C-alpha atoms as a PDB file:
ATOM      1  CA  MET A   1       6.028   3.055   0.405  1.00  0.00           C
ATOM      2  CA  ARG A   2       4.158  -0.203   0.777  1.00  0.00           C
ATOM      3  CA  VAL A   3       0.362  -0.116   0.784  1.00  0.00           C
ATOM      4  CA  LYS A   4      -2.441  -2.638   0.801  1.00  0.00           C
ATOM      5  CA  PRO A   5      -6.124  -2.188  -0.021  1.00  0.00           C
ATOM      6  CA  ALA A   6      -8.506  -1.323   2.780  1.00  0.00           C
ATOM      7  CA  PRO A   7     -10.868  -4.170   3.725  1.00  0.00           C
ATOM      8  CA  GLY A   8     -13.497  -4.699   1.040  1.00  0.00           C
ATOM      9  CA  VAL A   9     -11.896  -2.300  -1.460  1.00  0.00           C
ATOM     10  CA  ALA A  10     -10.436  -3.228  -4.855  1.00  0.00           C
ATOM     11  CA  VAL A  11      -7.736  -0.747  -5.850  1.00  0.00           C
ATOM     12  CA  ARG A  12      -6.345  -0.609  -9.379  1.00  0.00           C
ATOM     13  CA  ASP A  13      -2.631   0.056  -9.848  1.00  0.00           C
ATOM     14  CA  PRO A  14      -2.437   2.557 -12.727  1.00  0.00           C
ATOM     15  CA  ASP A  15       1.145   1.604 -13.593  1.00  0.00           C
ATOM     16  CA  LEU A  16       0.778  -2.186 -13.708  1.00  0.00           C
ATOM     17  CA  LYS A  17      -2.875  -2.152 -14.863  1.00  0.00           C
ATOM     18  CA  ASP A  18      -3.960  -4.728 -12.286  1.00  0.00           C
ATOM     19  CA  PHE A  19      -5.496  -4.765  -8.826  1.00  0.00           C
ATOM     20  CA  LEU A  20      -3.398  -4.266  -5.724  1.00  0.00           C
ATOM     21  CA  PRO A  21      -2.879  -7.659  -4.001  1.00  0.00           C
ATOM     22  CA  GLU A  22      -4.402  -8.187  -0.553  1.00  0.00           C
ATOM     23  CA  ASP A  23      -0.941  -8.429   1.057  1.00  0.00           C
ATOM     24  CA  GLY A  24       0.082  -5.126  -0.522  1.00  0.00           C
ATOM     25  CA  ARG A  25       2.719  -3.846  -2.879  1.00  0.00           C
ATOM     26  CA  GLU A  26       5.563  -1.349  -2.962  1.00  0.00           C
ATOM     27  CA  VAL A  27       4.305   1.749  -4.807  1.00  0.00           C
ATOM     28  CA  PRO A  28       5.854   5.132  -5.603  1.00  0.00           C
ATOM     29  CA  ASP A  29       5.232   8.029  -3.217  1.00  0.00           C
ATOM     30  CA  THR A  30       3.088   9.981  -5.687  1.00  0.00           C
ATOM     31  CA  PRO A  31       0.026  12.228  -5.313  1.00  0.00           C
ATOM     32  CA  TYR A  32      -2.173   9.371  -6.604  1.00  0.00           C
ATOM     33  CA  TRP A  33      -1.207   6.944  -3.837  1.00  0.00           C
ATOM     34  CA  ASN A  34      -1.122   9.658  -1.159  1.00  0.00           C
ATOM     35  CA  ARG A  35      -4.661  10.709  -2.116  1.00  0.00           C
ATOM     36  CA  LEU A  36      -5.897   7.104  -1.841  1.00  0.00           C
ATOM     37  CA  LEU A  37      -4.154   6.812   1.532  1.00  0.00           C
ATOM     38  CA  HIS A  38      -4.944  10.143   3.219  1.00  0.00           C
ATOM     39  CA  VAL A  39      -8.089  11.447   1.513  1.00  0.00           C
ATOM     40  CA  PHE A  40     -10.145   8.449   0.428  1.00  0.00           C
ATOM     41  CA  GLY A  41      -8.839   5.766   2.808  1.00  0.00           C
ATOM     42  CA  ASP A  42      -8.845   3.150   0.039  1.00  0.00           C
ATOM     43  CA  VAL A  43      -5.363   1.915   1.003  1.00  0.00           C
ATOM     44  CA  THR A  44      -3.459   1.507   4.266  1.00  0.00           C
ATOM     45  CA  LEU A  45       0.259   1.658   4.942  1.00  0.00           C
ATOM     46  CA  VAL A  46       2.014  -1.639   5.541  1.00  0.00           C
ATOM     47  CA  VAL A  47       4.477  -1.152   8.381  1.00  0.00           C
ATOM     48  CA  PRO A  48       7.527  -3.415   8.126  1.00  0.00           C
ATOM     49  CA  VAL A  49       7.945  -5.833  11.015  1.00  0.00           C
ATOM     50  CA  ALA A  50      11.344  -5.748  12.699  1.00  0.00           C
ATOM     51  CA  ARG A  51      13.077  -9.112  12.541  1.00  0.00           C
ATOM     52  CA  GLU A  52      15.335 -10.475  15.298  1.00  0.00           C
ATOM     53  CA  GLU A  53      18.331 -10.220  12.974  1.00  0.00           C
ATOM     54  CA  ASP A  54      17.689  -6.492  12.506  1.00  0.00           C
ATOM     55  CA  LYS A  55      17.603  -5.668  16.224  1.00  0.00           C
ATOM     56  CA  PRO A  56      20.823  -4.356  17.816  1.00  0.00           C
END
């Protein structure tokens, strides 16, 4: 899943030992990231934008 930090929040990536970039990053679907997403609201899901080439 791809997540980005909520506005005004700095979120540390425990695997890469850095902060999540503002435009987001692909992260594993683990309890850690799900807790930040659903419980604390520190990250938001990045929904992929459909491109013209992908449309039927």
